[in-house]
């Protein structure tokens, strides 16, 4: 019985170790490109509608402004020249690739598929690559700085409550 329990525990631990997770936090600058007024990230080596990419998840990165491009953005940025668009991801002798921030199954980008024109289309057609977009520098800025007047108002309010309490006690 002890051996069966140990074998079961080992198999659960081994399968958990093999499961990848989506990277958290903002995508590093080295892993996306900026073209004009838009940041582009290579989010997944397959289309969001394909079963093998069921783990595609944009939820956390949406908080940093990332979203799927609309048909006009695909027409404006990608379709004039897919090869030029893909070539723009070549930075520092490697391709900028952010797929690990969007998919737990894939952490690479398929350059040959993208160069062949297989990029994800918002119309749901079968394409092999998924790109996401945001307004350039679209990550949220630092937390707002508290306004000094708000602190003064709070102190004045607490002082007023203390004075009222003294008056009732007297």
C-alpha atoms as a PDB file:
ATOM      1  CA  UNK A   1       0.000   0.000   0.000  1.00  0.00           C
ATOM      2  CA  UNK A   2       2.831   2.352   0.887  1.00  0.00           C
ATOM      3  CA  UNK A   3       4.456   1.767  -2.528  1.00  0.00           C
ATOM      4  CA  UNK A   4       1.197   2.535  -4.350  1.00  0.00           C
ATOM      5  CA  UNK A   5       0.807   5.794  -2.415  1.00  0.00           C
ATOM      6  CA  UNK A   6       4.412   6.827  -3.156  1.00  0.00           C
ATOM      7  CA  UNK A   7       4.008   5.995  -6.861  1.00  0.00           C
ATOM      8  CA  UNK A   8       0.788   8.036  -7.051  1.00  0.00           C
ATOM      9  CA  UNK A   9       2.402  10.983  -5.263  1.00  0.00           C
ATOM     10  CA  UNK A  10       5.413  10.852  -7.594  1.00  0.00           C
ATOM     11  CA  UNK A  11       3.258  10.788 -10.746  1.00  0.00           C
ATOM     12  CA  UNK A  12       1.217  13.787  -9.528  1.00  0.00           C
ATOM     13  CA  UNK A  13       4.411  15.699  -8.709  1.00  0.00           C
ATOM     14  CA  UNK A  14       5.943  14.835 -12.095  1.00  0.00           C
ATOM     15  CA  UNK A  15       2.868  15.990 -14.033  1.00  0.00           C
ATOM     16  CA  UNK A  16       2.689  19.213 -12.016  1.00  0.00           C
ATOM     17  CA  UNK A  17       6.363  19.898 -12.695  1.00  0.00           C
ATOM     18  CA  UNK A  18       5.808  19.443 -16.438  1.00  0.00           C
ATOM     19  CA  UNK A  19       2.933  21.926 -16.609  1.00  0.00           C
ATOM     20  CA  UNK A  20       4.102  25.364 -17.626  1.00  0.00           C
ATOM     21  CA  UNK A  21       2.526  28.574 -16.404  1.00  0.00           C
ATOM     22  CA  UNK A  22       1.932  31.855 -18.134  1.00  0.00           C
ATOM     23  CA  UNK A  23       4.543  34.444 -17.186  1.00  0.00           C
ATOM     24  CA  UNK A  24       3.128  37.195 -15.019  1.00  0.00           C
ATOM     25  CA  UNK A  25       3.861  40.898 -14.951  1.00  0.00           C
ATOM     26  CA  UNK A  26       4.372  43.316 -17.775  1.00  0.00           C
ATOM     27  CA  UNK A  27       6.041  42.102 -20.949  1.00  0.00           C
ATOM     28  CA  UNK A  28       9.693  43.243 -21.060  1.00  0.00           C
ATOM     29  CA  UNK A  29      10.467  45.852 -23.734  1.00  0.00           C
ATOM     30  CA  UNK A  30      12.828  43.388 -25.451  1.00  0.00           C
ATOM     31  CA  UNK A  31       9.868  41.074 -26.151  1.00  0.00           C
ATOM     32  CA  UNK A  32       7.672  43.449 -28.170  1.00  0.00           C
ATOM     33  CA  UNK A  33       8.116  46.071 -30.893  1.00  0.00           C
ATOM     34  CA  UNK A  34       6.806  49.576 -31.475  1.00  0.00           C
ATOM     35  CA  UNK A  35       5.690  50.675 -34.925  1.00  0.00           C
ATOM     36  CA  UNK A  36       4.491  54.258 -35.110  1.00  0.00           C
ATOM     37  CA  UNK A  37       1.889  54.734 -32.391  1.00  0.00           C
ATOM     38  CA  UNK A  38       1.395  51.048 -31.590  1.00  0.00           C
ATOM     39  CA  UNK A  39       3.182  48.374 -29.586  1.00  0.00           C
ATOM     40  CA  UNK A  40       2.926  44.868 -31.069  1.00  0.00           C
ATOM     41  CA  UNK A  41       3.613  41.594 -29.268  1.00  0.00           C
ATOM     42  CA  UNK A  42       3.984  38.172 -30.844  1.00  0.00           C
ATOM     43  CA  UNK A  43       1.593  36.452 -28.469  1.00  0.00           C
ATOM     44  CA  UNK A  44       1.286  32.855 -29.605  1.00  0.00           C
ATOM     45  CA  UNK A  45       2.593  30.484 -32.251  1.00  0.00           C
ATOM     46  CA  UNK A  46      -0.952  29.533 -33.233  1.00  0.00           C
ATOM     47  CA  UNK A  47      -4.344  31.125 -33.662  1.00  0.00           C
ATOM     48  CA  UNK A  48      -6.575  31.663 -30.645  1.00  0.00           C
ATOM     49  CA  UNK A  49      -9.324  29.523 -32.227  1.00  0.00           C
ATOM     50  CA  UNK A  50      -7.193  26.386 -32.648  1.00  0.00           C
ATOM     51  CA  UNK A  51      -7.654  23.580 -30.085  1.00  0.00           C
ATOM     52  CA  UNK A  52      -3.926  23.207 -29.436  1.00  0.00           C
ATOM     53  CA  UNK A  53      -3.872  26.833 -28.274  1.00  0.00           C
ATOM     54  CA  UNK A  54      -6.777  26.591 -25.871  1.00  0.00           C
ATOM     55  CA  UNK A  55      -4.452  27.963 -23.190  1.00  0.00           C
ATOM     56  CA  UNK A  56      -4.192  31.358 -24.936  1.00  0.00           C
ATOM     57  CA  UNK A  57      -5.034  33.946 -22.264  1.00  0.00           C
ATOM     58  CA  UNK A  58      -4.957  37.728 -22.638  1.00  0.00           C
ATOM     59  CA  UNK A  59      -6.607  38.527 -19.268  1.00  0.00           C
ATOM     60  CA  UNK A  60      -3.567  39.713 -17.297  1.00  0.00           C
ATOM     61  CA  UNK A  61      -1.941  41.484 -20.237  1.00  0.00           C
ATOM     62  CA  UNK A  62      -5.204  43.337 -20.928  1.00  0.00           C
ATOM     63  CA  UNK A  63      -4.513  45.218 -17.688  1.00  0.00           C
ATOM     64  CA  UNK A  64      -1.376  46.548 -19.413  1.00  0.00           C
ATOM     65  CA  UNK A  65      -3.394  47.651 -22.461  1.00  0.00           C
ATOM     66  CA  UNK A  66      -2.821  44.612 -24.727  1.00  0.00           C
ATOM     67  CA  UNK A  67      -5.720  43.420 -26.907  1.00  0.00           C
ATOM     68  CA  UNK A  68      -6.329  41.578 -30.156  1.00  0.00           C
ATOM     69  CA  UNK A  69      -6.022  43.828 -33.217  1.00  0.00           C
ATOM     70  CA  UNK A  70      -9.095  44.752 -35.200  1.00  0.00           C
ATOM     71  CA  UNK A  71      -9.424  44.172 -38.944  1.00  0.00           C
ATOM     72  CA  UNK A  72      -8.263  47.713 -39.805  1.00  0.00           C
ATOM     73  CA  UNK A  73      -5.099  47.362 -37.700  1.00  0.00           C
ATOM     74  CA  UNK A  74      -4.292  44.055 -39.376  1.00  0.00           C
ATOM     75  CA  UNK A  75      -4.862  45.668 -42.778  1.00  0.00           C
ATOM     76  CA  UNK A  76      -2.751  48.726 -41.904  1.00  0.00           C
ATOM     77  CA  UNK A  77       0.184  47.080 -40.153  1.00  0.00           C
ATOM     78  CA  UNK A  78       0.434  43.433 -41.225  1.00  0.00           C
ATOM     79  CA  UNK A  79      -1.122  42.903 -44.646  1.00  0.00           C
ATOM     80  CA  UNK A  80       0.893  45.396 -46.715  1.00  0.00           C
ATOM     81  CA  UNK A  81       3.943  43.162 -46.152  1.00  0.00           C
ATOM     82  CA  UNK A  82       3.824  40.245 -43.737  1.00  0.00           C
ATOM     83  CA  UNK A  83       7.555  39.628 -44.218  1.00  0.00           C
ATOM     84  CA  UNK A  84       8.413  43.258 -43.340  1.00  0.00           C
ATOM     85  CA  UNK A  85       6.110  43.104 -40.318  1.00  0.00           C
ATOM     86  CA  UNK A  86       7.729  39.879 -39.065  1.00  0.00           C
ATOM     87  CA  UNK A  87      11.220  41.205 -39.835  1.00  0.00           C
ATOM     88  CA  UNK A  88      10.543  44.176 -37.560  1.00  0.00           C
ATOM     89  CA  UNK A  89      10.428  41.717 -34.628  1.00  0.00           C
ATOM     90  CA  UNK A  90      14.093  40.827 -35.224  1.00  0.00           C
ATOM     91  CA  UNK A  91      15.931  42.702 -32.450  1.00  0.00           C
ATOM     92  CA  UNK A  92      19.410  42.129 -31.040  1.00  0.00           C
ATOM     93  CA  UNK A  93      19.959  39.042 -33.241  1.00  0.00           C
ATOM     94  CA  UNK A  94      16.781  37.283 -32.016  1.00  0.00           C
ATOM     95  CA  UNK A  95      13.050  37.618 -32.600  1.00  0.00           C
ATOM     96  CA  UNK A  96      11.089  39.530 -29.962  1.00  0.00           C
ATOM     97  CA  UNK A  97       8.619  36.952 -28.725  1.00  0.00           C
ATOM     98  CA  UNK A  98       6.081  37.389 -25.909  1.00  0.00           C
ATOM     99  CA  UNK A  99       4.160  34.132 -26.263  1.00  0.00           C
ATOM    100  CA  UNK A 100       5.084  33.002 -22.729  1.00  0.00           C
ATOM    101  CA  UNK A 101       2.986  35.877 -21.361  1.00  0.00           C
ATOM    102  CA  UNK A 102      -0.124  34.665 -23.225  1.00  0.00           C
ATOM    103  CA  UNK A 103       0.100  30.882 -23.395  1.00  0.00           C
ATOM    104  CA  UNK A 104       1.218  28.173 -20.987  1.00  0.00           C
ATOM    105  CA  UNK A 105       1.754  25.619 -23.775  1.00  0.00           C
ATOM    106  CA  UNK A 106       3.938  27.639 -26.126  1.00  0.00           C
ATOM    107  CA  UNK A 107       6.872  29.893 -25.299  1.00  0.00           C
ATOM    108  CA  UNK A 108       8.264  30.357 -28.807  1.00  0.00           C
ATOM    109  CA  UNK A 109       7.329  32.048 -32.071  1.00  0.00           C
ATOM    110  CA  UNK A 110       7.141  30.210 -35.409  1.00  0.00           C
ATOM    111  CA  UNK A 111       9.012  32.515 -37.752  1.00  0.00           C
ATOM    112  CA  UNK A 112       8.532  30.301 -40.823  1.00  0.00           C
ATOM    113  CA  UNK A 113       4.731  30.211 -40.356  1.00  0.00           C
ATOM    114  CA  UNK A 114       4.573  33.977 -39.898  1.00  0.00           C
ATOM    115  CA  UNK A 115       6.745  34.607 -42.948  1.00  0.00           C
ATOM    116  CA  UNK A 116       4.410  32.364 -44.922  1.00  0.00           C
ATOM    117  CA  UNK A 117       1.602  34.765 -44.029  1.00  0.00           C
ATOM    118  CA  UNK A 118      -0.043  32.691 -41.334  1.00  0.00           C
ATOM    119  CA  UNK A 119      -1.067  35.418 -38.904  1.00  0.00           C
ATOM    120  CA  UNK A 120      -4.222  35.426 -36.789  1.00  0.00           C
ATOM    121  CA  UNK A 121      -7.189  37.195 -38.289  1.00  0.00           C
ATOM    122  CA  UNK A 122      -9.983  38.699 -36.176  1.00  0.00           C
ATOM    123  CA  UNK A 123     -12.492  37.135 -38.572  1.00  0.00           C
ATOM    124  CA  UNK A 124     -11.588  33.719 -37.106  1.00  0.00           C
ATOM    125  CA  UNK A 125      -9.928  32.278 -40.187  1.00  0.00           C
ATOM    126  CA  UNK A 126      -7.273  29.589 -39.819  1.00  0.00           C
ATOM    127  CA  UNK A 127      -3.928  31.253 -39.348  1.00  0.00           C
ATOM    128  CA  UNK A 128      -0.970  30.041 -37.313  1.00  0.00           C
ATOM    129  CA  UNK A 129       0.275  33.097 -35.421  1.00  0.00           C
ATOM    130  CA  UNK A 130      -1.385  35.457 -32.971  1.00  0.00           C
ATOM    131  CA  UNK A 131      -0.261  39.071 -32.529  1.00  0.00           C
ATOM    132  CA  UNK A 132      -1.637  41.553 -29.995  1.00  0.00           C
ATOM    133  CA  UNK A 133      -1.531  45.346 -30.001  1.00  0.00           C
ATOM    134  CA  UNK A 134      -1.777  48.299 -27.641  1.00  0.00           C
ATOM    135  CA  UNK A 135      -1.254  52.047 -27.871  1.00  0.00           C
ATOM    136  CA  UNK A 136       2.495  52.703 -27.719  1.00  0.00           C
ATOM    137  CA  UNK A 137       3.600  52.898 -24.100  1.00  0.00           C
ATOM    138  CA  UNK A 138       0.106  51.763 -23.158  1.00  0.00           C
ATOM    139  CA  UNK A 139       1.049  50.274 -19.813  1.00  0.00           C
ATOM    140  CA  UNK A 140      -0.561  51.982 -16.867  1.00  0.00           C
ATOM    141  CA  UNK A 141       1.574  54.700 -15.369  1.00  0.00           C
ATOM    142  CA  UNK A 142       2.684  54.869 -11.756  1.00  0.00           C
ATOM    143  CA  UNK A 143       0.082  55.065  -9.023  1.00  0.00           C
ATOM    144  CA  UNK A 144      -1.320  58.570  -8.612  1.00  0.00           C
ATOM    145  CA  UNK A 145       0.413  60.751  -6.050  1.00  0.00           C
ATOM    146  CA  UNK A 146      -1.860  61.602  -3.120  1.00  0.00           C
ATOM    147  CA  UNK A 147      -3.058  65.186  -3.046  1.00  0.00           C
ATOM    148  CA  UNK A 148      -1.832  67.016   0.091  1.00  0.00           C
ATOM    149  CA  UNK A 149      -5.181  68.779   0.502  1.00  0.00           C
ATOM    150  CA  UNK A 150      -6.934  65.415   0.955  1.00  0.00           C
ATOM    151  CA  UNK A 151      -4.676  64.610   3.909  1.00  0.00           C
ATOM    152  CA  UNK A 152      -5.301  68.017   5.442  1.00  0.00           C
ATOM    153  CA  UNK A 153      -9.049  67.543   5.067  1.00  0.00           C
ATOM    154  CA  UNK A 154      -8.840  64.194   6.833  1.00  0.00           C
ATOM    155  CA  UNK A 155      -6.853  65.676   9.739  1.00  0.00           C
ATOM    156  CA  UNK A 156      -9.341  68.567  10.004  1.00  0.00           C
ATOM    157  CA  UNK A 157     -12.256  66.102  10.018  1.00  0.00           C
ATOM    158  CA  UNK A 158     -10.670  63.986  12.748  1.00  0.00           C
ATOM    159  CA  UNK A 159      -9.959  67.150  14.750  1.00  0.00           C
ATOM    160  CA  UNK A 160     -13.604  68.162  14.405  1.00  0.00           C
ATOM    161  CA  UNK A 161     -14.747  64.751  15.642  1.00  0.00           C
ATOM    162  CA  UNK A 162     -12.393  65.002  18.640  1.00  0.00           C
ATOM    163  CA  UNK A 163     -13.714  68.488  19.493  1.00  0.00           C
ATOM    164  CA  UNK A 164     -17.303  67.245  19.241  1.00  0.00           C
ATOM    165  CA  UNK A 165     -16.516  64.326  21.516  1.00  0.00           C
ATOM    166  CA  UNK A 166     -14.930  66.620  24.125  1.00  0.00           C
ATOM    167  CA  UNK A 167     -17.930  68.902  24.010  1.00  0.00           C
ATOM    168  CA  UNK A 168     -20.325  65.964  24.645  1.00  0.00           C
ATOM    169  CA  UNK A 169     -18.135  64.661  27.456  1.00  0.00           C
ATOM    170  CA  UNK A 170     -18.162  68.059  29.239  1.00  0.00           C
END
